[in-house]
């Protein structure tokens, strides 16, 4: 049994139900569709309602923080009541671009952490080029993280991994681990505690096959690569990932 804990389908041109049949043939039984806007979260809710094994998260990506309002927060809260909404996300910080301003991203991130805590849900976190500030915010808001959190597509390196793990983080890795020059990610995969590792694709991005559109059907390729990096059997790692996902996402069927 394979799982993809972070993928995007909304407005990405996937041919459903054919794509879902392809995913099932690959042995991928659970896919969590990650929200990055309220609109996309609602679209993922619709997909999750149609397909067995499809789940979703609700949240607003830091790149969209400037348009976040009280009405947006209320919309996210409403989506979280759905039985197939397994987390708040993806939320966090992204300093790769100059906008939105950092204080705006931090405010919106804090609001969504507070929502997740109030609802008893874990959080899927986007964290790019912001390691020091992300750690500082998570430490400041540690009381809000009791239901767990995922560092999706973890990119801050093995040296910082333990700092996040001490706060209770899970870590998901995807197609980048299959790239030829991804030493930083390889080291993180190897350093990740066994009880905290998860698999993702971030579809349609970051395919293990350069130049191709990514799909959750690639999860077996990714897990095989993660297992090779860790010196483990693929089947054993896949089973551990399934247990880890169930531990973090308590609404995952």
C-alpha atoms as a PDB file:
ATOM      1  CA  UNK A   1       0.000   0.000   0.000  1.00  0.00           C
ATOM      2  CA  UNK A   2       1.414   3.370  -1.060  1.00  0.00           C
ATOM      3  CA  UNK A   3       0.358   6.868  -0.017  1.00  0.00           C
ATOM      4  CA  UNK A   4       0.821  10.344  -1.431  1.00  0.00           C
ATOM      5  CA  UNK A   5       0.363  12.838   1.402  1.00  0.00           C
ATOM      6  CA  UNK A   6       0.648  15.975  -0.745  1.00  0.00           C
ATOM      7  CA  UNK A   7      -0.564  16.525  -4.314  1.00  0.00           C
ATOM      8  CA  UNK A   8      -2.423  19.224  -6.252  1.00  0.00           C
ATOM      9  CA  UNK A   9      -5.189  18.426  -8.760  1.00  0.00           C
ATOM     10  CA  UNK A  10      -7.312  21.602  -8.845  1.00  0.00           C
ATOM     11  CA  UNK A  11      -7.065  23.317 -12.246  1.00  0.00           C
ATOM     12  CA  UNK A  12      -3.993  21.219 -13.124  1.00  0.00           C
ATOM     13  CA  UNK A  13      -5.472  19.472 -16.169  1.00  0.00           C
ATOM     14  CA  UNK A  14      -5.667  15.901 -14.886  1.00  0.00           C
ATOM     15  CA  UNK A  15      -8.038  13.684 -16.841  1.00  0.00           C
ATOM     16  CA  UNK A  16     -10.313  12.219 -14.205  1.00  0.00           C
ATOM     17  CA  UNK A  17     -11.350   9.447 -13.766  1.00  0.00           C
ATOM     18  CA  UNK A  18      -8.600   8.074 -16.034  1.00  0.00           C
ATOM     19  CA  UNK A  19      -5.843   9.526 -13.842  1.00  0.00           C
ATOM     20  CA  UNK A  20      -7.402   8.022 -10.729  1.00  0.00           C
ATOM     21  CA  UNK A  21      -7.495   4.604 -12.424  1.00  0.00           C
ATOM     22  CA  UNK A  22      -3.797   4.990 -13.240  1.00  0.00           C
ATOM     23  CA  UNK A  23      -3.047   5.860  -9.610  1.00  0.00           C
ATOM     24  CA  UNK A  24      -4.950   2.800  -8.384  1.00  0.00           C
ATOM     25  CA  UNK A  25      -3.108   0.505 -10.818  1.00  0.00           C
ATOM     26  CA  UNK A  26       0.179   1.780  -9.381  1.00  0.00           C
ATOM     27  CA  UNK A  27      -0.899   0.536  -5.950  1.00  0.00           C
ATOM     28  CA  UNK A  28      -1.422   4.002  -4.466  1.00  0.00           C
ATOM     29  CA  UNK A  29      -4.435   3.697  -2.169  1.00  0.00           C
ATOM     30  CA  UNK A  30      -4.504   7.108  -0.464  1.00  0.00           C
ATOM     31  CA  UNK A  31      -3.900  10.577  -1.921  1.00  0.00           C
ATOM     32  CA  UNK A  32      -4.178  13.788   0.104  1.00  0.00           C
ATOM     33  CA  UNK A  33      -4.943  16.766  -2.139  1.00  0.00           C
ATOM     34  CA  UNK A  34      -3.373  19.880  -0.625  1.00  0.00           C
ATOM     35  CA  UNK A  35      -5.195  23.194  -0.623  1.00  0.00           C
ATOM     36  CA  UNK A  36      -3.281  26.342  -1.537  1.00  0.00           C
ATOM     37  CA  UNK A  37      -6.271  28.672  -1.935  1.00  0.00           C
ATOM     38  CA  UNK A  38      -9.833  28.521  -0.656  1.00  0.00           C
ATOM     39  CA  UNK A  39     -11.059  27.926  -4.223  1.00  0.00           C
ATOM     40  CA  UNK A  40      -8.680  25.021  -4.782  1.00  0.00           C
ATOM     41  CA  UNK A  41      -9.494  23.557  -1.390  1.00  0.00           C
ATOM     42  CA  UNK A  42     -13.151  23.495  -2.391  1.00  0.00           C
ATOM     43  CA  UNK A  43     -12.289  21.851  -5.701  1.00  0.00           C
ATOM     44  CA  UNK A  44     -10.327  19.182  -3.861  1.00  0.00           C
ATOM     45  CA  UNK A  45     -13.295  18.645  -1.567  1.00  0.00           C
ATOM     46  CA  UNK A  46     -15.348  17.823  -4.645  1.00  0.00           C
ATOM     47  CA  UNK A  47     -12.760  15.362  -5.942  1.00  0.00           C
ATOM     48  CA  UNK A  48     -12.468  13.688  -2.542  1.00  0.00           C
ATOM     49  CA  UNK A  49     -16.227  13.211  -2.478  1.00  0.00           C
ATOM     50  CA  UNK A  50     -16.091  11.323  -5.791  1.00  0.00           C
ATOM     51  CA  UNK A  51     -13.120   9.004  -5.359  1.00  0.00           C
ATOM     52  CA  UNK A  52     -12.357   6.357  -2.771  1.00  0.00           C
ATOM     53  CA  UNK A  53      -8.951   6.965  -1.260  1.00  0.00           C
ATOM     54  CA  UNK A  54      -8.980  10.685  -2.040  1.00  0.00           C
ATOM     55  CA  UNK A  55      -8.717  13.122   0.859  1.00  0.00           C
ATOM     56  CA  UNK A  56      -7.960  16.824   1.079  1.00  0.00           C
ATOM     57  CA  UNK A  57      -6.603  19.643   3.197  1.00  0.00           C
ATOM     58  CA  UNK A  58      -7.981  23.164   3.487  1.00  0.00           C
ATOM     59  CA  UNK A  59      -5.801  26.217   3.742  1.00  0.00           C
ATOM     60  CA  UNK A  60      -4.129  29.192   2.090  1.00  0.00           C
ATOM     61  CA  UNK A  61      -0.543  29.125   0.828  1.00  0.00           C
ATOM     62  CA  UNK A  62       1.781  31.919   1.990  1.00  0.00           C
ATOM     63  CA  UNK A  63       1.997  33.284  -1.561  1.00  0.00           C
ATOM     64  CA  UNK A  64      -1.738  34.061  -1.294  1.00  0.00           C
ATOM     65  CA  UNK A  65      -1.548  35.630   2.177  1.00  0.00           C
ATOM     66  CA  UNK A  66      -2.168  39.193   0.989  1.00  0.00           C
ATOM     67  CA  UNK A  67      -5.770  38.373   0.075  1.00  0.00           C
ATOM     68  CA  UNK A  68      -6.518  36.448   3.284  1.00  0.00           C
ATOM     69  CA  UNK A  69      -9.518  37.836   5.184  1.00  0.00           C
ATOM     70  CA  UNK A  70     -11.826  36.859   8.019  1.00  0.00           C
ATOM     71  CA  UNK A  71     -14.159  35.462   5.364  1.00  0.00           C
ATOM     72  CA  UNK A  72     -11.324  33.325   4.002  1.00  0.00           C
ATOM     73  CA  UNK A  73     -10.633  31.942   7.453  1.00  0.00           C
ATOM     74  CA  UNK A  74     -14.320  31.147   7.900  1.00  0.00           C
ATOM     75  CA  UNK A  75     -14.317  29.338   4.575  1.00  0.00           C
ATOM     76  CA  UNK A  76     -11.332  27.214   5.602  1.00  0.00           C
ATOM     77  CA  UNK A  77     -13.009  26.419   8.911  1.00  0.00           C
ATOM     78  CA  UNK A  78     -16.159  25.259   7.103  1.00  0.00           C
ATOM     79  CA  UNK A  79     -14.192  22.942   4.822  1.00  0.00           C
ATOM     80  CA  UNK A  80     -12.376  21.416   7.788  1.00  0.00           C
ATOM     81  CA  UNK A  81     -15.681  20.024   9.059  1.00  0.00           C
ATOM     82  CA  UNK A  82     -15.755  17.615   6.106  1.00  0.00           C
ATOM     83  CA  UNK A  83     -14.871  14.082   7.209  1.00  0.00           C
ATOM     84  CA  UNK A  84     -12.410  13.819   4.320  1.00  0.00           C
ATOM     85  CA  UNK A  85     -10.546  17.006   5.273  1.00  0.00           C
ATOM     86  CA  UNK A  86      -7.561  15.594   7.153  1.00  0.00           C
ATOM     87  CA  UNK A  87      -5.509  18.727   7.885  1.00  0.00           C
ATOM     88  CA  UNK A  88      -5.169  22.483   7.608  1.00  0.00           C
ATOM     89  CA  UNK A  89      -2.776  23.287   4.785  1.00  0.00           C
ATOM     90  CA  UNK A  90      -0.765  23.994   2.979  1.00  0.00           C
ATOM     91  CA  UNK A  91       0.186  26.976   5.107  1.00  0.00           C
ATOM     92  CA  UNK A  92       3.473  28.495   6.163  1.00  0.00           C
ATOM     93  CA  UNK A  93       6.192  30.842   4.940  1.00  0.00           C
ATOM     94  CA  UNK A  94       7.862  31.380   1.568  1.00  0.00           C
ATOM     95  CA  UNK A  95      10.660  33.936   1.364  1.00  0.00           C
ATOM     96  CA  UNK A  96      11.768  33.002  -2.138  1.00  0.00           C
ATOM     97  CA  UNK A  97       9.870  35.983  -3.522  1.00  0.00           C
ATOM     98  CA  UNK A  98       9.598  39.480  -2.045  1.00  0.00           C
ATOM     99  CA  UNK A  99       5.802  39.433  -1.830  1.00  0.00           C
ATOM    100  CA  UNK A 100       3.680  39.084   0.192  1.00  0.00           C
ATOM    101  CA  UNK A 101       5.617  40.846   2.905  1.00  0.00           C
ATOM    102  CA  UNK A 102       6.998  38.578   5.586  1.00  0.00           C
ATOM    103  CA  UNK A 103       4.920  40.007   8.408  1.00  0.00           C
ATOM    104  CA  UNK A 104       1.765  39.370   6.360  1.00  0.00           C
ATOM    105  CA  UNK A 105       2.754  35.752   5.752  1.00  0.00           C
ATOM    106  CA  UNK A 106       3.520  35.300   9.437  1.00  0.00           C
ATOM    107  CA  UNK A 107       0.169  36.734  10.516  1.00  0.00           C
ATOM    108  CA  UNK A 108      -1.801  34.474   8.168  1.00  0.00           C
ATOM    109  CA  UNK A 109       0.280  31.452   9.150  1.00  0.00           C
ATOM    110  CA  UNK A 110      -0.419  32.127  12.833  1.00  0.00           C
ATOM    111  CA  UNK A 111      -4.157  32.441  12.218  1.00  0.00           C
ATOM    112  CA  UNK A 112      -4.272  29.103  10.432  1.00  0.00           C
ATOM    113  CA  UNK A 113      -2.195  27.403  13.142  1.00  0.00           C
ATOM    114  CA  UNK A 114      -4.711  28.686  15.678  1.00  0.00           C
ATOM    115  CA  UNK A 115      -7.569  27.323  13.583  1.00  0.00           C
ATOM    116  CA  UNK A 116      -5.968  23.888  13.284  1.00  0.00           C
ATOM    117  CA  UNK A 117      -5.447  23.747  17.043  1.00  0.00           C
ATOM    118  CA  UNK A 118      -9.027  24.795  17.746  1.00  0.00           C
ATOM    119  CA  UNK A 119     -10.305  22.039  15.435  1.00  0.00           C
ATOM    120  CA  UNK A 120      -7.880  19.348  16.615  1.00  0.00           C
ATOM    121  CA  UNK A 121      -6.311  18.921  13.181  1.00  0.00           C
ATOM    122  CA  UNK A 122      -2.703  18.528  12.059  1.00  0.00           C
ATOM    123  CA  UNK A 123      -1.053  21.083   9.764  1.00  0.00           C
ATOM    124  CA  UNK A 124       0.680  20.690   6.401  1.00  0.00           C
ATOM    125  CA  UNK A 125       3.453  23.281   6.278  1.00  0.00           C
ATOM    126  CA  UNK A 126       5.086  24.924   3.274  1.00  0.00           C
ATOM    127  CA  UNK A 127       8.528  26.248   4.259  1.00  0.00           C
ATOM    128  CA  UNK A 128      10.879  27.746   1.677  1.00  0.00           C
ATOM    129  CA  UNK A 129      14.005  29.857   2.238  1.00  0.00           C
ATOM    130  CA  UNK A 130      12.845  30.694   5.769  1.00  0.00           C
ATOM    131  CA  UNK A 131      14.395  28.115   8.087  1.00  0.00           C
ATOM    132  CA  UNK A 132      15.274  30.430  11.001  1.00  0.00           C
ATOM    133  CA  UNK A 133      11.915  32.237  10.994  1.00  0.00           C
ATOM    134  CA  UNK A 134       9.984  28.989  10.589  1.00  0.00           C
ATOM    135  CA  UNK A 135      11.723  27.434  13.575  1.00  0.00           C
ATOM    136  CA  UNK A 136      11.159  30.593  15.603  1.00  0.00           C
ATOM    137  CA  UNK A 137       7.447  30.648  14.767  1.00  0.00           C
ATOM    138  CA  UNK A 138       6.954  26.966  15.495  1.00  0.00           C
ATOM    139  CA  UNK A 139       8.715  27.308  18.836  1.00  0.00           C
ATOM    140  CA  UNK A 140       6.618  30.364  19.681  1.00  0.00           C
ATOM    141  CA  UNK A 141       3.422  28.525  18.738  1.00  0.00           C
ATOM    142  CA  UNK A 142       4.407  25.130  20.094  1.00  0.00           C
ATOM    143  CA  UNK A 143       1.220  24.903  22.134  1.00  0.00           C
ATOM    144  CA  UNK A 144      -0.748  24.971  18.864  1.00  0.00           C
ATOM    145  CA  UNK A 145       1.079  21.947  17.414  1.00  0.00           C
ATOM    146  CA  UNK A 146      -0.306  19.250  19.704  1.00  0.00           C
ATOM    147  CA  UNK A 147      -2.121  17.556  16.810  1.00  0.00           C
ATOM    148  CA  UNK A 148       1.035  17.248  14.726  1.00  0.00           C
ATOM    149  CA  UNK A 149       2.461  18.887  11.644  1.00  0.00           C
ATOM    150  CA  UNK A 150       4.098  17.936   8.371  1.00  0.00           C
ATOM    151  CA  UNK A 151       7.079  19.699   6.815  1.00  0.00           C
ATOM    152  CA  UNK A 152       6.016  19.066   3.244  1.00  0.00           C
ATOM    153  CA  UNK A 153       8.758  18.634   0.631  1.00  0.00           C
ATOM    154  CA  UNK A 154      11.333  19.211   3.376  1.00  0.00           C
ATOM    155  CA  UNK A 155      14.213  21.340   2.067  1.00  0.00           C
ATOM    156  CA  UNK A 156      16.049  22.822   5.056  1.00  0.00           C
ATOM    157  CA  UNK A 157      18.772  20.172   5.239  1.00  0.00           C
ATOM    158  CA  UNK A 158      19.806  17.425   7.610  1.00  0.00           C
ATOM    159  CA  UNK A 159      21.483  19.860  10.014  1.00  0.00           C
ATOM    160  CA  UNK A 160      18.124  21.452  10.881  1.00  0.00           C
ATOM    161  CA  UNK A 161      16.004  18.314  10.688  1.00  0.00           C
ATOM    162  CA  UNK A 162      16.405  17.431  14.360  1.00  0.00           C
ATOM    163  CA  UNK A 163      15.317  20.943  15.397  1.00  0.00           C
ATOM    164  CA  UNK A 164      12.007  20.390  13.611  1.00  0.00           C
ATOM    165  CA  UNK A 165      11.725  16.794  14.834  1.00  0.00           C
ATOM    166  CA  UNK A 166      12.025  17.943  18.439  1.00  0.00           C
ATOM    167  CA  UNK A 167       8.924  20.063  17.872  1.00  0.00           C
ATOM    168  CA  UNK A 168       7.051  16.977  16.650  1.00  0.00           C
ATOM    169  CA  UNK A 169       7.464  17.349  12.887  1.00  0.00           C
ATOM    170  CA  UNK A 170       6.846  14.698  10.274  1.00  0.00           C
ATOM    171  CA  UNK A 171       8.763  15.039   6.993  1.00  0.00           C
ATOM    172  CA  UNK A 172       7.617  14.177   3.473  1.00  0.00           C
ATOM    173  CA  UNK A 173       9.937  13.658   0.532  1.00  0.00           C
ATOM    174  CA  UNK A 174       9.136  13.394  -3.151  1.00  0.00           C
ATOM    175  CA  UNK A 175      10.598  13.329  -6.620  1.00  0.00           C
ATOM    176  CA  UNK A 176      13.527  15.603  -5.760  1.00  0.00           C
ATOM    177  CA  UNK A 177      15.077  12.631  -3.944  1.00  0.00           C
ATOM    178  CA  UNK A 178      15.356  10.963  -7.362  1.00  0.00           C
ATOM    179  CA  UNK A 179      17.334  13.833  -8.905  1.00  0.00           C
ATOM    180  CA  UNK A 180      21.015  13.280  -9.628  1.00  0.00           C
ATOM    181  CA  UNK A 181      22.266  16.373  -7.791  1.00  0.00           C
ATOM    182  CA  UNK A 182      19.994  16.392  -4.720  1.00  0.00           C
ATOM    183  CA  UNK A 183      22.610  15.605  -2.061  1.00  0.00           C
ATOM    184  CA  UNK A 184      20.996  17.911   0.506  1.00  0.00           C
ATOM    185  CA  UNK A 185      17.690  16.076   0.201  1.00  0.00           C
ATOM    186  CA  UNK A 186      19.399  12.656   0.216  1.00  0.00           C
ATOM    187  CA  UNK A 187      21.054  13.533   3.515  1.00  0.00           C
ATOM    188  CA  UNK A 188      17.720  14.600   4.990  1.00  0.00           C
ATOM    189  CA  UNK A 189      16.063  11.367   3.876  1.00  0.00           C
ATOM    190  CA  UNK A 190      18.842   9.397   5.552  1.00  0.00           C
ATOM    191  CA  UNK A 191      18.649  11.455   8.757  1.00  0.00           C
ATOM    192  CA  UNK A 192      14.850  11.372   9.069  1.00  0.00           C
ATOM    193  CA  UNK A 193      13.566   9.351  12.051  1.00  0.00           C
ATOM    194  CA  UNK A 194      11.820   6.182  10.890  1.00  0.00           C
ATOM    195  CA  UNK A 195       8.592   7.088  12.680  1.00  0.00           C
ATOM    196  CA  UNK A 196       8.388  10.516  10.998  1.00  0.00           C
ATOM    197  CA  UNK A 197       9.022   9.844   7.282  1.00  0.00           C
ATOM    198  CA  UNK A 198       6.272  10.202   4.663  1.00  0.00           C
ATOM    199  CA  UNK A 199       6.039  10.139   0.860  1.00  0.00           C
ATOM    200  CA  UNK A 200       4.576  12.766  -1.448  1.00  0.00           C
ATOM    201  CA  UNK A 201       4.686  13.947  -5.053  1.00  0.00           C
ATOM    202  CA  UNK A 202       3.650  17.625  -4.889  1.00  0.00           C
ATOM    203  CA  UNK A 203       1.990  16.827  -8.219  1.00  0.00           C
ATOM    204  CA  UNK A 204       1.971  18.206 -10.843  1.00  0.00           C
ATOM    205  CA  UNK A 205       5.407  19.516  -9.833  1.00  0.00           C
ATOM    206  CA  UNK A 206       8.772  17.864  -9.129  1.00  0.00           C
ATOM    207  CA  UNK A 207       8.359  14.653 -11.094  1.00  0.00           C
ATOM    208  CA  UNK A 208      11.091  12.048 -10.563  1.00  0.00           C
ATOM    209  CA  UNK A 209      11.203  11.951 -14.363  1.00  0.00           C
ATOM    210  CA  UNK A 210      12.570  15.309 -15.471  1.00  0.00           C
ATOM    211  CA  UNK A 211      10.358  17.223 -17.864  1.00  0.00           C
ATOM    212  CA  UNK A 212       7.246  15.146 -17.157  1.00  0.00           C
ATOM    213  CA  UNK A 213       4.080  16.139 -15.325  1.00  0.00           C
ATOM    214  CA  UNK A 214       4.097  14.516 -11.922  1.00  0.00           C
ATOM    215  CA  UNK A 215       1.353  12.194 -10.677  1.00  0.00           C
ATOM    216  CA  UNK A 216       0.635  10.216  -7.503  1.00  0.00           C
ATOM    217  CA  UNK A 217       1.157   7.135  -9.691  1.00  0.00           C
ATOM    218  CA  UNK A 218       4.898   7.878  -9.298  1.00  0.00           C
ATOM    219  CA  UNK A 219       4.828   7.215  -5.556  1.00  0.00           C
ATOM    220  CA  UNK A 220       6.201   3.631  -5.895  1.00  0.00           C
ATOM    221  CA  UNK A 221       9.235   5.029  -7.743  1.00  0.00           C
ATOM    222  CA  UNK A 222       9.759   7.645  -5.039  1.00  0.00           C
ATOM    223  CA  UNK A 223       9.394   5.192  -2.150  1.00  0.00           C
ATOM    224  CA  UNK A 224      11.849   2.805  -3.803  1.00  0.00           C
ATOM    225  CA  UNK A 225      14.364   5.639  -4.009  1.00  0.00           C
ATOM    226  CA  UNK A 226      13.791   6.660  -0.376  1.00  0.00           C
ATOM    227  CA  UNK A 227      14.272   3.045   0.695  1.00  0.00           C
ATOM    228  CA  UNK A 228      17.510   2.746  -1.303  1.00  0.00           C
ATOM    229  CA  UNK A 229      18.871   5.915   0.288  1.00  0.00           C
ATOM    230  CA  UNK A 230      18.048   4.561   3.743  1.00  0.00           C
ATOM    231  CA  UNK A 231      19.284   1.020   3.070  1.00  0.00           C
ATOM    232  CA  UNK A 232      15.826  -0.436   3.665  1.00  0.00           C
ATOM    233  CA  UNK A 233      13.442  -2.742   1.815  1.00  0.00           C
ATOM    234  CA  UNK A 234      10.867  -0.866  -0.244  1.00  0.00           C
ATOM    235  CA  UNK A 235       7.911  -2.878   1.097  1.00  0.00           C
ATOM    236  CA  UNK A 236       8.978  -2.289   4.693  1.00  0.00           C
ATOM    237  CA  UNK A 237       9.330   1.447   4.160  1.00  0.00           C
ATOM    238  CA  UNK A 238       5.955   1.632   2.374  1.00  0.00           C
ATOM    239  CA  UNK A 239       4.319  -0.103   5.342  1.00  0.00           C
ATOM    240  CA  UNK A 240       6.021   2.250   7.793  1.00  0.00           C
ATOM    241  CA  UNK A 241       4.917   5.290   5.800  1.00  0.00           C
ATOM    242  CA  UNK A 242       1.330   4.009   5.942  1.00  0.00           C
ATOM    243  CA  UNK A 243       1.570   3.712   9.729  1.00  0.00           C
ATOM    244  CA  UNK A 244       3.114   7.157  10.029  1.00  0.00           C
ATOM    245  CA  UNK A 245       0.385   8.702   7.891  1.00  0.00           C
ATOM    246  CA  UNK A 246      -2.312   7.110  10.026  1.00  0.00           C
ATOM    247  CA  UNK A 247      -0.629   8.426  13.162  1.00  0.00           C
ATOM    248  CA  UNK A 248      -0.479  11.999  11.862  1.00  0.00           C
ATOM    249  CA  UNK A 249      -3.751  12.214   9.924  1.00  0.00           C
ATOM    250  CA  UNK A 250      -6.316  10.702  12.299  1.00  0.00           C
ATOM    251  CA  UNK A 251      -9.187  11.274   9.821  1.00  0.00           C
ATOM    252  CA  UNK A 252      -7.431   9.252   7.128  1.00  0.00           C
ATOM    253  CA  UNK A 253      -9.535   6.164   6.443  1.00  0.00           C
END
